[in-house]
Amino acid sequence: MISHILARIQWNGLSSLHQRRHIARVEKMLNAMSERFSHLKHFEQVKLKHLRWLQEVWLTSQGFAEATLVDYKRTLALMVAALDSDRHWQQALKITRDPKKGGRPQVCRAVRTRRRARRC
């Protein structure tokens, strides 16, 4: 499941240290989801309810510092974009970027591709 997500991320000059940190956070989040929801085997099975659980239950129960929570939310937004569900899911998860607030431009982003049916 992680290989599909990582294949869709375009790093655009992000340092290797930050890439490894994003990858480690994605692995931790996917492991937590697969422990809680044992039926998740493929990326197509991830639904909004799984990511809501991740955001509302798992992230709050970990006891992370505020800066670490921001990093995980940023990685969660990247993961949602890599799953090709970003427009609606980011609004539901309240992780959309507000253009009025400004901020740094995104360095890494997900590549958009057409969905393909998984072959058995």
C-alpha atoms as a PDB file:
ATOM      1  CA  MET A   1       0.000   0.000   0.000  1.00  0.00           C
ATOM      2  CA  ILE A   2       2.819   2.407   0.789  1.00  0.00           C
ATOM      3  CA  SER A   3       4.549   1.840  -2.550  1.00  0.00           C
ATOM      4  CA  HIS A   4       1.505   3.170  -4.418  1.00  0.00           C
ATOM      5  CA  ILE A   5       1.338   6.258  -2.236  1.00  0.00           C
ATOM      6  CA  LEU A   6       5.068   6.970  -2.522  1.00  0.00           C
ATOM      7  CA  ALA A   7       5.006   6.449  -6.292  1.00  0.00           C
ATOM      8  CA  ARG A   8       2.528   9.307  -6.609  1.00  0.00           C
ATOM      9  CA  ILE A   9       4.474  11.821  -4.538  1.00  0.00           C
ATOM     10  CA  GLN A  10       6.655  14.306  -6.379  1.00  0.00           C
ATOM     11  CA  TRP A  11       9.316  15.592  -3.987  1.00  0.00           C
ATOM     12  CA  ASN A  12      10.459  18.606  -6.097  1.00  0.00           C
ATOM     13  CA  GLY A  13      13.787  19.264  -4.437  1.00  0.00           C
ATOM     14  CA  LEU A  14      12.758  18.392  -0.882  1.00  0.00           C
ATOM     15  CA  SER A  15      15.796  17.294   1.082  1.00  0.00           C
ATOM     16  CA  SER A  16      16.319  13.596   1.644  1.00  0.00           C
ATOM     17  CA  LEU A  17      15.953  14.100   5.397  1.00  0.00           C
ATOM     18  CA  HIS A  18      12.472  15.565   4.996  1.00  0.00           C
ATOM     19  CA  GLN A  19      11.571  12.871   2.479  1.00  0.00           C
ATOM     20  CA  ARG A  20      12.542  10.161   4.978  1.00  0.00           C
ATOM     21  CA  ARG A  21      10.521  11.892   7.700  1.00  0.00           C
ATOM     22  CA  HIS A  22       7.413  12.023   5.489  1.00  0.00           C
ATOM     23  CA  ILE A  23       7.881   8.362   4.533  1.00  0.00           C
ATOM     24  CA  ALA A  24       8.288   7.326   8.175  1.00  0.00           C
ATOM     25  CA  ARG A  25       5.115   9.189   9.140  1.00  0.00           C
ATOM     26  CA  VAL A  26       3.173   7.607   6.259  1.00  0.00           C
ATOM     27  CA  GLU A  27       4.395   4.156   7.350  1.00  0.00           C
ATOM     28  CA  LYS A  28       3.338   4.796  10.962  1.00  0.00           C
ATOM     29  CA  MET A  29      -0.095   6.010   9.905  1.00  0.00           C
ATOM     30  CA  LEU A  30      -0.656   3.099   7.514  1.00  0.00           C
ATOM     31  CA  ASN A  31       0.469   0.606  10.166  1.00  0.00           C
ATOM     32  CA  ALA A  32      -1.928   2.127  12.686  1.00  0.00           C
ATOM     33  CA  MET A  33      -4.797   1.932  10.193  1.00  0.00           C
ATOM     34  CA  SER A  34      -4.000  -1.667   9.248  1.00  0.00           C
ATOM     35  CA  GLU A  35      -3.856  -2.674  12.937  1.00  0.00           C
ATOM     36  CA  ARG A  36      -7.216  -1.071  13.654  1.00  0.00           C
ATOM     37  CA  PHE A  37      -8.873  -2.073  10.375  1.00  0.00           C
ATOM     38  CA  SER A  38      -7.482  -5.486   9.521  1.00  0.00           C
ATOM     39  CA  HIS A  39      -9.291  -5.672   6.166  1.00  0.00           C
ATOM     40  CA  LEU A  40      -7.162  -2.874   4.653  1.00  0.00           C
ATOM     41  CA  LYS A  41      -4.794  -4.574   2.246  1.00  0.00           C
ATOM     42  CA  HIS A  42      -4.841  -2.298  -0.828  1.00  0.00           C
ATOM     43  CA  PHE A  43      -4.844   1.458  -1.263  1.00  0.00           C
ATOM     44  CA  GLU A  44      -8.260   1.338  -2.956  1.00  0.00           C
ATOM     45  CA  GLN A  45      -9.802   0.135   0.293  1.00  0.00           C
ATOM     46  CA  VAL A  46      -8.880   3.251   2.269  1.00  0.00           C
ATOM     47  CA  LYS A  47     -11.972   5.323   2.922  1.00  0.00           C
ATOM     48  CA  LEU A  48     -12.676   8.636   4.564  1.00  0.00           C
ATOM     49  CA  LYS A  49     -13.790   6.929   7.778  1.00  0.00           C
ATOM     50  CA  HIS A  50     -10.342   5.337   8.161  1.00  0.00           C
ATOM     51  CA  LEU A  51      -8.612   8.689   7.810  1.00  0.00           C
ATOM     52  CA  ARG A  52     -11.091  10.323  10.203  1.00  0.00           C
ATOM     53  CA  TRP A  53     -10.264   7.656  12.780  1.00  0.00           C
ATOM     54  CA  LEU A  54      -6.586   8.300  12.181  1.00  0.00           C
ATOM     55  CA  GLN A  55      -7.003  12.027  12.693  1.00  0.00           C
ATOM     56  CA  GLU A  56      -9.502  12.050  15.550  1.00  0.00           C
ATOM     57  CA  VAL A  57      -8.476   9.009  17.595  1.00  0.00           C
ATOM     58  CA  TRP A  58      -4.942   7.882  16.757  1.00  0.00           C
ATOM     59  CA  LEU A  59      -3.240  11.279  16.489  1.00  0.00           C
ATOM     60  CA  THR A  60      -4.796  12.527  19.730  1.00  0.00           C
ATOM     61  CA  SER A  61      -3.967   9.327  21.630  1.00  0.00           C
ATOM     62  CA  GLN A  62      -0.273   9.407  20.685  1.00  0.00           C
ATOM     63  CA  GLY A  63       0.527  12.390  22.872  1.00  0.00           C
ATOM     64  CA  PHE A  64       2.551  14.188  20.213  1.00  0.00           C
ATOM     65  CA  ALA A  65       3.788  17.730  20.702  1.00  0.00           C
ATOM     66  CA  GLU A  66       1.976  20.467  18.791  1.00  0.00           C
ATOM     67  CA  ALA A  67       4.729  20.798  16.169  1.00  0.00           C
ATOM     68  CA  THR A  68       4.708  17.043  15.587  1.00  0.00           C
ATOM     69  CA  LEU A  69       0.930  17.091  15.143  1.00  0.00           C
ATOM     70  CA  VAL A  70       1.325  19.762  12.473  1.00  0.00           C
ATOM     71  CA  ASP A  71       3.876  17.567  10.691  1.00  0.00           C
ATOM     72  CA  TYR A  72       1.527  14.576  10.806  1.00  0.00           C
ATOM     73  CA  LYS A  73      -1.379  16.664   9.493  1.00  0.00           C
ATOM     74  CA  ARG A  74       0.812  17.882   6.636  1.00  0.00           C
ATOM     75  CA  THR A  75       1.763  14.295   5.819  1.00  0.00           C
ATOM     76  CA  LEU A  76      -1.881  13.257   6.095  1.00  0.00           C
ATOM     77  CA  ALA A  77      -2.816  15.900   3.525  1.00  0.00           C
ATOM     78  CA  LEU A  78      -0.079  14.613   1.226  1.00  0.00           C
ATOM     79  CA  MET A  79      -1.281  11.042   1.703  1.00  0.00           C
ATOM     80  CA  VAL A  80      -4.889  12.027   0.907  1.00  0.00           C
ATOM     81  CA  ALA A  81      -3.708  13.768  -2.268  1.00  0.00           C
ATOM     82  CA  ALA A  82      -1.727  10.669  -3.256  1.00  0.00           C
ATOM     83  CA  LEU A  83      -4.871   8.579  -2.875  1.00  0.00           C
ATOM     84  CA  ASP A  84      -6.580  10.826  -5.482  1.00  0.00           C
ATOM     85  CA  SER A  85      -9.338  11.818  -3.099  1.00  0.00           C
ATOM     86  CA  ASP A  86      -8.024  15.156  -1.961  1.00  0.00           C
ATOM     87  CA  ARG A  87     -10.733  17.624  -2.940  1.00  0.00           C
ATOM     88  CA  HIS A  88     -13.603  16.217  -0.905  1.00  0.00           C
ATOM     89  CA  TRP A  89     -11.651  14.385   1.765  1.00  0.00           C
ATOM     90  CA  GLN A  90      -9.477  17.367   2.669  1.00  0.00           C
ATOM     91  CA  GLN A  91     -12.590  19.441   3.255  1.00  0.00           C
ATOM     92  CA  ALA A  92     -14.116  16.706   5.407  1.00  0.00           C
ATOM     93  CA  LEU A  93     -10.881  16.314   7.382  1.00  0.00           C
ATOM     94  CA  LYS A  94     -10.492  20.114   7.625  1.00  0.00           C
ATOM     95  CA  ILE A  95      -6.960  20.087   6.244  1.00  0.00           C
ATOM     96  CA  THR A  96      -7.511  22.381   3.282  1.00  0.00           C
ATOM     97  CA  ARG A  97      -5.123  25.254   2.712  1.00  0.00           C
ATOM     98  CA  ASP A  98      -6.581  28.708   3.132  1.00  0.00           C
ATOM     99  CA  PRO A  99      -5.211  30.995   0.386  1.00  0.00           C
ATOM    100  CA  LYS A 100      -6.090  34.057   2.480  1.00  0.00           C
ATOM    101  CA  LYS A 101      -3.625  33.010   5.178  1.00  0.00           C
ATOM    102  CA  GLY A 102      -0.769  32.685   2.731  1.00  0.00           C
ATOM    103  CA  GLY A 103       2.176  30.601   3.819  1.00  0.00           C
ATOM    104  CA  ARG A 104       4.991  28.817   2.109  1.00  0.00           C
ATOM    105  CA  PRO A 105       4.408  27.220  -1.268  1.00  0.00           C
ATOM    106  CA  GLN A 106       4.150  23.445  -1.284  1.00  0.00           C
ATOM    107  CA  VAL A 107       7.385  21.726  -2.195  1.00  0.00           C
ATOM    108  CA  CYS A 108       6.105  18.179  -2.465  1.00  0.00           C
ATOM    109  CA  ARG A 109       2.798  17.253  -4.029  1.00  0.00           C
ATOM    110  CA  ALA A 110       0.955  14.262  -5.379  1.00  0.00           C
ATOM    111  CA  VAL A 111       0.921  13.477  -9.067  1.00  0.00           C
ATOM    112  CA  ARG A 112      -2.567  13.156 -10.487  1.00  0.00           C
ATOM    113  CA  THR A 113      -3.215  10.083 -12.586  1.00  0.00           C
ATOM    114  CA  ARG A 114      -6.274   8.334 -13.875  1.00  0.00           C
ATOM    115  CA  ARG A 115      -7.617   5.666 -11.616  1.00  0.00           C
ATOM    116  CA  ARG A 116      -7.017   2.208 -12.902  1.00  0.00           C
ATOM    117  CA  ALA A 117      -8.853  -0.883 -11.830  1.00  0.00           C
ATOM    118  CA  ARG A 118      -6.696  -3.225  -9.819  1.00  0.00           C
ATOM    119  CA  ARG A 119      -6.186  -6.496 -11.638  1.00  0.00           C
ATOM    120  CA  CYS A 120      -6.312  -9.714  -9.700  1.00  0.00           C
END
